[in-house]
Protein backbone atom coordinates (compact mmCIF):
# COMPACT_ATOMS: atom_id res chain seq x y z
CA UNK A 1 14.75 -7.05 13.02
CA UNK A 2 18.36 -5.99 13.54
CA UNK A 3 19.90 -3.11 11.64
CA UNK A 4 22.24 -5.55 9.91
CA UNK A 5 19.28 -7.59 8.64
CA UNK A 6 17.44 -4.45 7.56
CA UNK A 7 20.37 -3.39 5.39
CA UNK A 8 20.52 -6.69 3.46
CA UNK A 9 18.86 -5.35 0.27
CA UNK A 10 20.59 -1.94 0.33
CA UNK A 11 23.59 -0.81 -1.70
CA UNK A 12 25.72 0.38 1.22
CA UNK A 13 28.86 2.48 0.70
CA UNK A 14 30.11 2.45 4.29
CA UNK A 15 28.86 1.91 7.84
CA UNK A 16 29.89 3.04 11.29
CA UNK A 17 28.29 1.96 14.56
CA UNK A 18 26.37 -0.94 16.07
CA UNK A 19 24.59 -3.15 13.53
CA UNK A 20 22.90 -5.40 16.09
CA UNK A 21 20.43 -2.84 17.46
CA UNK A 22 16.76 -3.77 17.07
CA UNK A 23 14.80 -1.64 14.63
CA UNK A 24 11.13 -0.84 15.28
CA UNK A 25 10.38 1.67 12.53
CA UNK A 26 11.76 3.52 9.56
CA UNK A 27 10.97 7.09 8.53
CA UNK A 28 12.05 9.97 6.31
CA UNK A 29 10.36 12.48 8.65
CA UNK A 30 12.69 13.50 11.48
CA UNK A 31 9.68 14.51 13.60
CA UNK A 32 8.56 10.85 13.66
CA UNK A 33 11.89 9.52 14.97
CA UNK A 34 11.80 7.66 18.28
CA UNK A 35 14.18 5.21 19.98
CA UNK A 36 14.62 2.23 17.68
CA UNK A 37 13.89 4.22 14.50
CA UNK A 38 15.98 4.42 11.37
CA UNK A 39 15.91 7.91 9.88
CA UNK A 40 16.57 8.08 6.14
CA UNK A 41 17.72 11.48 4.92
CA UNK A 42 16.21 12.36 1.55
CA UNK A 43 17.29 15.29 -0.59
CA UNK A 44 13.81 16.55 -1.42
CA UNK A 45 12.37 19.21 -3.71
CA UNK A 46 11.32 21.48 -0.82
CA UNK A 47 13.73 20.44 1.94
CA UNK A 48 16.86 18.35 2.37
CA UNK A 49 16.54 15.68 5.06
CA UNK A 50 20.30 15.76 5.60
CA UNK A 51 19.77 19.02 7.51
CA UNK A 52 17.84 17.04 10.14
CA UNK A 53 20.34 14.26 10.82
CA UNK A 54 21.52 15.76 14.11
CA UNK A 55 17.91 16.22 15.23
CA UNK A 56 17.20 12.55 14.45
CA UNK A 57 20.16 11.39 16.52
CA UNK A 58 19.13 13.70 19.36
CA UNK A 59 15.66 12.08 19.36
CA UNK A 60 17.14 8.61 19.80
CA UNK A 61 17.43 7.25 16.26
CA UNK A 62 19.04 3.81 16.26
CA UNK A 63 20.58 4.64 12.90
CA UNK A 64 20.64 7.32 10.25
CA UNK A 65 20.97 6.63 6.54
CA UNK A 66 22.49 9.37 4.37
CA UNK A 67 23.21 9.64 0.67
CA UNK A 68 26.86 9.66 -0.28
CA UNK A 69 27.98 13.16 -1.19
CA UNK A 70 24.98 14.90 0.39
CA UNK A 71 25.94 14.79 4.08
CA UNK A 72 28.09 17.44 5.77
CA UNK A 73 28.82 15.57 9.00
CA UNK A 74 27.70 15.29 12.64
CA UNK A 75 27.64 18.43 14.77
CA UNK A 76 29.90 18.49 17.83
CA UNK A 77 26.99 18.93 20.25
CA UNK A 78 25.16 15.82 19.01
CA UNK A 79 28.20 13.58 18.49
CA UNK A 80 27.59 11.81 21.81
CA UNK A 81 24.12 10.73 20.62
CA UNK A 82 25.36 9.11 17.41
CA UNK A 83 24.57 5.40 17.19
CA UNK A 84 24.93 4.10 13.63
CA UNK A 85 25.56 6.08 10.47
CA UNK A 86 25.10 4.43 7.07
CA UNK A 87 26.15 5.96 3.76
CA UNK A 88 24.31 4.67 0.67
CA UNK A 89 24.38 5.42 -3.05
CA UNK A 90 20.69 6.34 -3.26
CA UNK A 91 18.78 7.12 -0.08
CA UNK A 92 15.38 7.25 -1.80
CA UNK A 93 15.79 3.73 -3.10
CA UNK A 94 17.23 2.60 0.24
CA UNK A 95 14.11 3.92 2.01
CA UNK A 96 11.78 1.79 -0.11
CA UNK A 97 13.96 -1.31 0.07
CA UNK A 98 14.29 -1.14 3.85
CA UNK A 99 10.60 -0.33 4.34
CA UNK A 100 9.73 -3.40 2.27
CA UNK A 101 12.21 -5.60 4.13
CA UNK A 102 10.89 -4.45 7.52
CA UNK A 103 7.38 -5.52 6.42
CA UNK A 104 8.59 -8.94 5.21
CA UNK A 105 8.70 -7.92 1.51
CA UNK A 106 4.92 -8.00 1.07
CA UNK A 107 4.94 -7.61 -2.73
CA UNK A 108 6.53 -11.08 -2.95
CA UNK A 109 3.38 -12.51 -1.34
CA UNK A 110 0.86 -10.61 -3.49
CA UNK A 111 -0.02 -10.75 -7.15
CA UNK A 112 1.05 -7.20 -8.00
CA UNK A 113 -0.64 -5.26 -10.80
CA UNK A 114 0.83 -1.85 -11.69
CA UNK A 115 -0.82 0.61 -14.09
CA UNK A 116 0.95 3.73 -15.34
CA UNK A 117 0.12 6.37 -17.95
CA UNK A 118 -1.06 9.96 -18.17
CA UNK A 119 -4.74 9.08 -18.44
CA UNK A 120 -6.89 6.07 -17.64
CA UNK A 121 -5.03 4.67 -14.63
CA UNK A 122 -7.95 5.00 -12.23
CA UNK A 123 -10.52 3.48 -14.57
CA UNK A 124 -8.24 0.61 -15.61
CA UNK A 125 -7.41 -0.29 -12.00
CA UNK A 126 -11.06 -0.18 -10.92
CA UNK A 127 -12.17 -2.38 -13.81
CA UNK A 128 -9.27 -4.76 -13.13
CA UNK A 129 -10.20 -4.96 -9.45
CA UNK A 130 -13.77 -5.90 -10.39
CA UNK A 131 -12.53 -8.61 -12.75
CA UNK A 132 -10.13 -10.04 -10.19
CA UNK A 133 -12.79 -10.08 -7.48
CA UNK A 134 -15.11 -11.93 -9.85
CA UNK A 135 -12.36 -14.53 -10.21
CA UNK A 136 -12.39 -15.02 -6.45
CA UNK A 137 -9.42 -12.88 -5.41
CA UNK A 138 -9.25 -10.58 -2.41
CA UNK A 139 -8.05 -7.27 -3.88
CA UNK A 140 -6.34 -4.21 -2.43
CA UNK A 141 -6.66 -1.08 -4.58
CA UNK A 142 -4.36 1.94 -4.21
CA UNK A 143 -4.82 4.98 -6.41
CA UNK A 144 -6.08 8.50 -7.02
CA UNK A 145 -9.60 8.01 -5.67
CA UNK A 146 -8.42 6.31 -2.47
CA UNK A 147 -6.69 3.40 -0.76
CA UNK A 148 -9.05 0.46 -0.28
CA UNK A 149 -8.02 -2.90 1.17
CA UNK A 150 -9.90 -5.21 3.51
CA UNK A 151 -11.90 -2.99 5.86
CA UNK A 152 -9.59 -0.04 5.29
CA UNK A 153 -10.87 2.98 3.35
CA UNK A 154 -8.49 5.94 3.23
CA UNK A 155 -8.45 9.17 1.25
CA UNK A 156 -5.48 9.23 -1.13
CA UNK A 157 -2.71 11.69 -0.26
CA UNK A 158 -0.89 10.79 -3.49
CA UNK A 159 -1.81 8.63 -6.48
CA UNK A 160 0.91 6.25 -5.26
CA UNK A 161 1.60 6.34 -1.49
CA UNK A 162 4.97 7.35 -0.06
CA UNK A 163 7.43 4.43 0.40
CA UNK A 164 6.95 3.66 4.09
CA UNK A 165 3.17 4.09 3.90
CA UNK A 166 3.03 1.96 0.74
CA UNK A 167 4.96 -0.93 2.26
CA UNK A 168 2.94 -0.75 5.48
CA UNK A 169 -0.27 -0.95 3.43
CA UNK A 170 1.02 -3.88 1.39
CA UNK A 171 2.05 -5.58 4.64
CA UNK A 172 -1.43 -5.03 6.06
CA UNK A 173 -2.90 -6.54 2.90
CA UNK A 174 -0.85 -9.71 3.30
CA UNK A 175 -1.77 -10.03 6.97
CA UNK A 176 -5.47 -9.49 6.11
CA UNK A 177 -5.45 -12.36 3.61
CA UNK A 178 -5.58 -10.15 0.51
CA UNK A 179 -3.79 -11.84 -2.39
CA UNK A 180 -3.76 -9.17 -5.14
CA UNK A 181 -2.52 -5.59 -5.01
CA UNK A 182 -3.69 -3.29 -7.81
CA UNK A 183 -1.78 0.00 -7.93
CA UNK A 184 -1.85 3.19 -9.93
CA UNK A 185 1.83 3.96 -10.36
CA UNK A 186 2.44 7.63 -11.13
CA UNK A 187 5.43 9.10 -12.93
CA UNK A 188 6.31 11.01 -9.76
CA UNK A 189 6.33 7.74 -7.80
CA UNK A 190 8.65 6.14 -10.34
CA UNK A 191 10.98 9.14 -10.61
CA UNK A 192 11.19 9.39 -6.81
CA UNK A 193 11.60 5.63 -6.15
CA UNK A 194 8.38 5.39 -4.14
CA UNK A 195 7.82 1.82 -5.33
CA UNK A 196 11.37 0.66 -4.56
CA UNK A 197 11.07 -2.73 -2.86
CA UNK A 198 8.06 -3.77 -4.97
CA UNK A 199 8.07 -6.55 -7.52
CA UNK A 200 5.22 -6.49 -10.04
CA UNK A 201 3.67 -9.38 -11.96
CA UNK A 202 1.58 -7.46 -14.52
CA UNK A 203 2.40 -3.91 -15.65
CA UNK A 204 0.28 -1.71 -17.90
CA UNK A 205 1.02 1.36 -20.04
CA UNK A 206 -2.14 3.30 -20.92
CA UNK A 207 -0.73 6.33 -22.78
CA UNK A 208 1.63 9.28 -22.53
CA UNK A 209 0.56 12.86 -23.23
CA UNK A 210 1.73 16.22 -21.93
CA UNK A 211 1.34 16.63 -18.18
CA UNK A 212 3.54 17.25 -15.13
CA UNK A 213 6.23 19.05 -17.16
CA UNK A 214 6.67 21.41 -14.22
CA UNK A 215 8.29 18.36 -12.60
CA UNK A 216 9.68 16.34 -15.52
CA UNK A 217 10.60 19.33 -17.75
CA UNK A 218 10.70 17.22 -20.94
CA UNK A 219 8.48 14.53 -22.44
CA UNK A 220 11.50 12.25 -22.71
CA UNK A 221 12.16 12.45 -18.97
CA UNK A 222 8.44 11.87 -18.38
CA UNK A 223 8.61 8.75 -20.55
CA UNK A 224 11.81 7.49 -18.95
CA UNK A 225 10.13 7.72 -15.54
CA UNK A 226 7.24 5.59 -16.78
CA UNK A 227 9.64 3.15 -18.39
CA UNK A 228 11.13 2.21 -15.00
CA UNK A 229 7.98 0.24 -14.18
CA UNK A 230 8.67 -2.02 -17.17
CA UNK A 231 12.40 -2.47 -16.54
CA UNK A 232 13.29 -2.05 -12.86
CA UNK A 233 10.28 -3.61 -11.14
CA UNK A 234 9.58 -6.79 -13.11
CA UNK A 235 12.98 -8.49 -13.42
CA UNK A 236 15.62 -10.09 -11.17
CA UNK A 237 13.09 -10.66 -8.44
CA UNK A 238 11.89 -13.41 -6.14
CA UNK A 239 8.80 -14.48 -8.07
CA UNK A 240 8.90 -17.57 -10.26
CA UNK A 241 5.60 -17.03 -12.09
CA UNK A 242 5.77 -15.51 -15.59
CA UNK A 243 5.41 -11.75 -15.89
CA UNK A 244 3.37 -9.83 -18.45
CA UNK A 245 3.36 -6.26 -19.77
CA UNK A 246 0.36 -4.68 -21.49
CA UNK A 247 1.04 -1.75 -23.80
CA UNK A 248 -1.37 0.55 -25.64
CA UNK A 249 -0.48 0.11 -29.32
CA UNK A 250 -2.48 3.23 -30.23
CA UNK A 251 -0.02 5.45 -28.34
CA UNK A 252 3.00 6.84 -30.19
CA UNK A 253 5.33 6.10 -27.25
CA UNK A 254 4.49 2.39 -27.38
CA UNK A 255 7.24 1.62 -29.91
CA UNK A 256 9.98 2.89 -27.60
CA UNK A 257 8.56 0.97 -24.67
CA UNK A 258 8.28 -2.26 -26.66
CA UNK A 259 11.92 -1.96 -27.67
CA UNK A 260 13.08 -1.82 -24.06
CA UNK A 261 10.62 -3.99 -22.11
CA UNK A 262 12.41 -7.23 -21.08
CA UNK A 263 9.31 -9.31 -20.30
CA UNK A 264 6.60 -10.76 -22.59
CA UNK A 265 4.18 -8.13 -23.92
CA UNK A 266 0.61 -8.11 -25.17
CA UNK A 267 -0.39 -4.94 -27.00
CA UNK A 268 -3.96 -3.65 -26.94
CA UNK A 269 -5.70 -1.14 -29.16
CA UNK A 270 -8.60 0.06 -31.26
CA UNK A 271 -6.78 1.51 -34.25
CA UNK A 272 -3.27 0.05 -34.46
CA UNK A 273 -2.80 -3.69 -34.95
CA UNK A 274 -2.67 -5.28 -31.50
CA UNK A 275 -2.74 -8.61 -29.66
CA UNK A 276 -5.90 -7.56 -27.85
CA UNK A 277 -7.93 -5.77 -30.50
CA UNK A 278 -11.29 -4.01 -30.33
CA UNK A 279 -13.53 -4.28 -33.38
CA UNK A 280 -17.12 -3.37 -34.33
CA UNK A 281 -17.25 -0.67 -31.63
CA UNK A 282 -20.71 0.81 -30.97
CA UNK A 283 -20.87 3.88 -28.75
CA UNK A 284 -23.95 5.31 -27.05
CA UNK A 285 -25.04 7.42 -24.09
CA UNK A 286 -26.17 4.30 -22.26
CA UNK A 287 -23.01 2.28 -22.83
CA UNK A 288 -20.73 0.56 -25.29
CA UNK A 289 -20.58 -2.67 -27.26
CA UNK A 290 -17.58 -4.13 -29.08
CA UNK A 291 -15.87 -7.36 -30.06
CA UNK A 292 -12.41 -8.29 -28.74
CA UNK A 293 -9.94 -10.54 -30.47
CA UNK A 294 -7.31 -11.81 -28.03
CA UNK A 295 -4.59 -14.47 -27.77
CA UNK A 296 -7.00 -16.52 -25.62
CA UNK A 297 -10.14 -16.19 -27.69
CA UNK A 298 -12.86 -13.86 -28.88
CA UNK A 299 -15.15 -11.85 -26.61
CA UNK A 300 -18.28 -9.78 -27.12
CA UNK A 301 -18.32 -6.96 -24.60
CA UNK A 302 -21.39 -5.05 -23.42
CA UNK A 303 -20.54 -2.31 -20.95
CA UNK A 304 -22.16 0.57 -19.10
CA UNK A 305 -19.03 2.67 -19.64
CA UNK A 306 -19.27 5.44 -22.23
CA UNK A 307 -16.82 6.63 -24.87
CA UNK A 308 -14.01 5.32 -27.03
CA UNK A 309 -11.41 6.12 -24.35
CA UNK A 310 -13.19 3.65 -22.07
CA UNK A 311 -12.94 0.97 -24.75
CA UNK A 312 -9.16 1.41 -24.48
CA UNK A 313 -9.38 1.26 -20.69
CA UNK A 314 -11.43 -1.93 -20.87
CA UNK A 315 -8.94 -3.52 -23.28
CA UNK A 316 -6.15 -2.88 -20.75
CA UNK A 317 -8.22 -4.41 -17.95
CA UNK A 318 -9.17 -7.37 -20.16
CA UNK A 319 -5.45 -7.93 -20.73
CA UNK A 320 -4.89 -7.97 -16.97
CA UNK A 321 -7.70 -10.51 -16.56
CA UNK A 322 -6.28 -12.77 -19.24
CA UNK A 323 -2.77 -12.44 -17.81
CA UNK A 324 -3.93 -13.77 -14.42
CA UNK A 325 -5.86 -16.66 -15.95
CA UNK A 326 -9.43 -15.43 -16.30
CA UNK A 327 -11.62 -17.05 -18.92
CA UNK A 328 -13.01 -14.89 -21.74
CA UNK A 329 -16.52 -15.93 -20.63
CA UNK A 330 -16.02 -14.62 -17.08
CA UNK A 331 -14.57 -11.36 -18.40
CA UNK A 332 -17.61 -10.86 -20.66
CA UNK A 333 -20.00 -11.55 -17.81
CA UNK A 334 -18.22 -9.29 -15.29
CA UNK A 335 -17.83 -6.28 -17.56
CA UNK A 336 -21.61 -6.06 -17.97
CA UNK A 337 -21.97 -4.96 -14.36
CA UNK A 338 -18.93 -2.66 -13.98
CA UNK A 339 -20.00 0.92 -13.29
CA UNK A 340 -18.22 4.21 -13.80
CA UNK A 341 -15.53 5.20 -11.34
CA UNK A 342 -16.57 8.26 -9.27
CA UNK A 343 -15.75 11.42 -11.17
CA UNK A 344 -15.10 9.61 -14.46
CA UNK A 345 -17.90 10.45 -16.92
CA UNK A 346 -20.20 10.60 -13.90
CA UNK A 347 -23.69 11.62 -14.90
CA UNK A 348 -25.60 14.06 -12.69
CA UNK A 349 -29.36 13.57 -12.78
CA UNK A 350 -31.79 15.94 -11.10
CA UNK A 351 -34.73 15.49 -13.46
CA UNK A 352 -33.41 17.88 -16.12
CA UNK A 353 -34.04 17.40 -19.85
CA UNK A 354 -30.35 17.65 -20.76
CA UNK A 355 -27.28 15.64 -19.74
CA UNK A 356 -24.66 16.79 -17.22
CA UNK A 357 -21.38 14.90 -16.88
CA UNK A 358 -18.51 15.46 -14.41
CA UNK A 359 -15.11 14.12 -15.41
CA UNK A 360 -11.53 14.25 -14.12
CA UNK A 361 -10.03 15.14 -17.55
CA UNK A 362 -7.28 17.67 -16.81
CA UNK A 363 -4.86 17.29 -19.73
CA UNK A 364 -5.38 18.24 -23.37
CA UNK A 365 -5.39 14.57 -24.40
CA UNK A 366 -7.88 13.55 -21.70
CA UNK A 367 -10.10 16.52 -22.56
CA UNK A 368 -9.97 15.60 -26.25
CA UNK A 369 -10.93 11.99 -25.46
CA UNK A 370 -13.78 13.20 -23.27
CA UNK A 371 -15.05 15.58 -25.94
CA UNK A 372 -14.76 12.95 -28.67
CA UNK A 373 -16.88 10.67 -26.47
CA UNK A 374 -19.38 13.50 -26.07
CA UNK A 375 -19.49 14.18 -29.81
CA UNK A 376 -20.12 10.50 -30.56
CA UNK A 377 -23.19 10.33 -28.33
CA UNK A 378 -24.59 13.88 -28.25
CA UNK A 379 -28.14 14.73 -29.24
CA UNK A 380 -27.80 18.51 -28.99
CA UNK A 381 -24.94 20.88 -28.30
CA UNK A 382 -21.84 20.22 -26.17
CA UNK A 383 -21.21 22.86 -23.49
CA UNK A 384 -17.83 22.52 -21.76
CA UNK A 385 -16.64 23.97 -18.44
CA UNK A 386 -12.93 23.55 -17.68
CA UNK A 387 -9.84 25.23 -16.25
CA UNK A 388 -6.17 24.57 -15.56
CA UNK A 389 -4.38 24.26 -12.24
CA UNK A 390 -2.01 26.91 -10.94
CA UNK A 391 1.67 26.30 -10.17
CA UNK A 392 1.58 23.40 -12.65
CA UNK A 393 2.74 22.85 -16.25
CA UNK A 394 1.63 26.13 -17.91
CA UNK A 395 2.50 24.71 -21.34
CA UNK A 396 -0.70 22.67 -21.51
CA UNK A 397 -3.05 25.62 -20.91
CA UNK A 398 -3.29 26.93 -24.46
CA UNK A 399 -3.52 23.37 -25.80
CA UNK A 400 -6.45 22.58 -23.53
CA UNK A 401 -8.18 25.78 -24.60
CA UNK A 402 -7.80 24.87 -28.25
CA UNK A 403 -9.09 21.33 -27.74
CA UNK A 404 -12.12 22.66 -25.85
CA UNK A 405 -13.21 25.23 -28.45
CA UNK A 406 -12.60 22.90 -31.39
CA UNK A 407 -14.72 20.10 -29.94
CA UNK A 408 -17.53 22.04 -28.19
CA UNK A 409 -20.39 24.34 -29.12
CA UNK A 410 -19.89 26.61 -26.12
CA UNK A 411 -16.94 26.78 -23.69
CA UNK A 412 -16.73 28.43 -20.29
CA UNK A 413 -13.15 28.75 -19.05
CA UNK A 414 -12.87 28.87 -15.27
CA UNK A 415 -10.60 28.20 -12.29
CA UNK A 416 -9.30 24.76 -11.30
CA UNK A 417 -7.09 24.78 -8.20
CA UNK A 418 -5.31 28.09 -8.91
CA UNK A 419 -3.09 27.55 -5.89
CA UNK A 420 -0.73 30.52 -5.45
CA UNK A 421 -1.10 31.79 -9.04
CA UNK A 422 -3.39 34.65 -9.99
CA UNK A 423 -6.46 32.96 -11.53
CA UNK A 424 -6.63 35.71 -14.17
CA UNK A 425 -3.12 34.81 -15.35
CA UNK A 426 -4.17 31.19 -15.84
CA UNK A 427 -7.32 32.21 -17.72
CA UNK A 428 -5.25 34.52 -19.91
CA UNK A 429 -2.85 31.68 -20.78
CA UNK A 430 -5.77 29.48 -21.82
CA UNK A 431 -7.33 32.31 -23.82
CA UNK A 432 -4.09 32.90 -25.76
CA UNK A 433 -4.37 29.42 -27.25
CA UNK A 434 -8.04 29.92 -28.09
CA UNK A 435 -7.71 33.27 -29.88
CA UNK A 436 -4.69 31.98 -31.83
CA UNK A 437 -7.13 29.77 -33.74
CA UNK A 438 -8.99 31.16 -36.77
CA UNK A 439 -12.59 32.08 -35.86
CA UNK A 440 -14.00 29.31 -38.02
CA UNK A 441 -12.07 26.72 -35.98
CA UNK A 442 -13.43 27.71 -32.60
CA UNK A 443 -16.77 27.97 -30.89
CA UNK A 444 -18.02 30.76 -28.67
CA UNK A 445 -16.32 30.99 -25.29
CA UNK A 446 -16.30 33.11 -22.16
CA UNK A 447 -14.18 33.25 -19.04
CA UNK A 448 -15.65 33.18 -15.53
CA UNK A 449 -13.08 32.88 -12.77
CA UNK A 450 -15.52 31.69 -10.09
CA UNK A 451 -16.04 27.96 -10.73
CA UNK A 452 -19.46 27.73 -9.07
CA UNK A 453 -20.71 30.64 -11.18
CA UNK A 454 -19.23 29.06 -14.33
CA UNK A 455 -21.09 25.81 -13.65
CA UNK A 456 -24.34 27.72 -13.04
CA UNK A 457 -23.95 29.70 -16.29
CA UNK A 458 -23.28 26.50 -18.29
CA UNK A 459 -26.33 24.75 -16.87
CA UNK A 460 -28.53 27.80 -17.39
CA UNK A 461 -27.39 27.86 -21.04
CA UNK A 462 -28.32 24.20 -21.67
CA UNK A 463 -31.31 23.36 -23.84
CA UNK A 464 -33.26 20.15 -24.44
CA UNK A 465 -30.85 17.36 -25.43
CA UNK A 466 -27.64 19.32 -24.75
CA UNK A 467 -24.65 17.77 -23.00
CA UNK A 468 -22.87 19.81 -20.32
CA UNK A 469 -19.34 18.60 -19.50
CA UNK A 470 -17.69 19.81 -16.30
CA UNK A 471 -14.06 18.77 -16.61
CA UNK A 472 -10.93 18.80 -14.51
CA UNK A 473 -11.78 17.84 -10.94
CA UNK A 474 -13.92 14.73 -11.14
CA UNK A 475 -14.04 13.04 -7.73
CA UNK A 476 -12.11 15.82 -5.94
CA UNK A 477 -14.08 17.65 -3.28
CA UNK A 478 -11.90 20.71 -2.87
CA UNK A 479 -10.45 23.78 -4.50
CA UNK A 480 -6.91 24.91 -3.65
CA UNK A 481 -6.99 28.69 -3.33
CA UNK A 482 -3.62 30.11 -2.36
CA UNK A 483 -2.33 27.58 0.13
CA UNK A 484 -5.77 26.72 1.52
CA UNK A 485 -7.96 23.73 0.63
CA UNK A 486 -11.58 24.87 0.42
CA UNK A 487 -14.46 22.40 0.16
CA UNK A 488 -15.82 22.29 -3.39
CA UNK A 489 -17.39 19.41 -5.31
CA UNK A 490 -18.30 19.80 -9.00
CA UNK A 491 -21.04 17.17 -8.60
CA UNK A 492 -22.70 19.02 -5.75
CA UNK A 493 -22.37 22.36 -7.53
CA UNK A 494 -23.95 20.86 -10.66
CA UNK A 495 -26.88 19.47 -8.68
CA UNK A 496 -27.33 22.80 -6.93
CA UNK A 497 -27.25 24.64 -10.26
CA UNK A 498 -29.83 22.31 -11.84
CA UNK A 499 -32.18 22.67 -8.86
CA UNK A 500 -31.76 26.46 -8.95
CA UNK A 501 -32.57 26.50 -12.66
CA UNK A 502 -35.66 24.33 -12.17
CA UNK A 503 -36.91 26.54 -9.34
CA UNK A 504 -36.58 29.66 -11.46
CA UNK A 505 -38.44 28.29 -14.48
């Protein structure tokens, strides 16, 4: 593809140089530049790519794209190496658009499902993938737990891949005969234009609760980032088929989204009136039953998934199924066999006479949903182990502490990826929220910085019929201590702790 062709979808301010050169790759990493590459300079949070323009030219870049107003000019020593220089209004967006164009705009050839929200994205996308596969589709799934398409299985570096990687994956899906792409679309991805160049067919809003305010700063900015999925990526595209948005009517932000979404919407919910409504919900440790009223008929759902929050997740996935033409009967049948996503209410069984559950809940809302699920099915006490990450949104720490002690019988506060923060500072922030509550509103708690020790103490404290919840990391198999990733898996630690307890009895 020539540079001129590559620039077709981009809002160009001005160009200098040869537009007929053949382009072989596009990158935002100057270290990856080779002859025939286009280097796109991005003004990032940590570094500004405009500082590496001269290096890119020196390494043989066929062209460099810079953002208007961010570029200081070519150095005298590298001026002889300059080929083409393109100024654009938004280099982040240009990166995604060009990456898509270089891959033949793969999202135009896939049924694209995008799910955004603070909580539930992973579960909704996994359920949706199961439904779509039951309908006969070949599905690619990109999200927090990993990137899975065709024979490819990759660990996820981000919930939503970076623009070039994303478009390459979508291109590989098309070439492999996959016809549906199911994506978790994070607020970071939307704020940073990672999905630029994508056109979605079905978009889903699960909920919005406090998280990532270290990045977004305000809840309104957080919401506006999510909103882009429902405005920028579903209209004025190349696809003729009707679009559909699915919005959680039980969430307080739904009203604002409904006011601004330009495509047809189905709402879903348990409590608020909705198009896809759950009724007669029965919750148990072994699963869930409920009735769904929908625009396309009534369904009776029997599922292995546990907790009211998973009813909401299933409603979202049911909406996706209906939007792509599934029959209510096939949805009913398929949901019977859908299992938990790894690290989402994952039960750990080593022959003990109490229940141990590992879950990814790492916001106050997710923790509350998890604990409400536990309260609805418990037989004994609820013992909760949780922590908060370092270098991230400190405002949620006290809130999470309060949720934990209000909804549990015993809480052990511990570390969860402290990163470069002092773990004791994080524990102190959580404890401030706890002790601010009157004593009659909170259960007993203790703080144990070492996460493995905290898990062992919780399991040693469990009695017949108790429910031990280990929250915050779910499927993750690491701890971030300082700047180092250290292997650590809550599920393995729980199994080890149970075996140790059984040996010592």
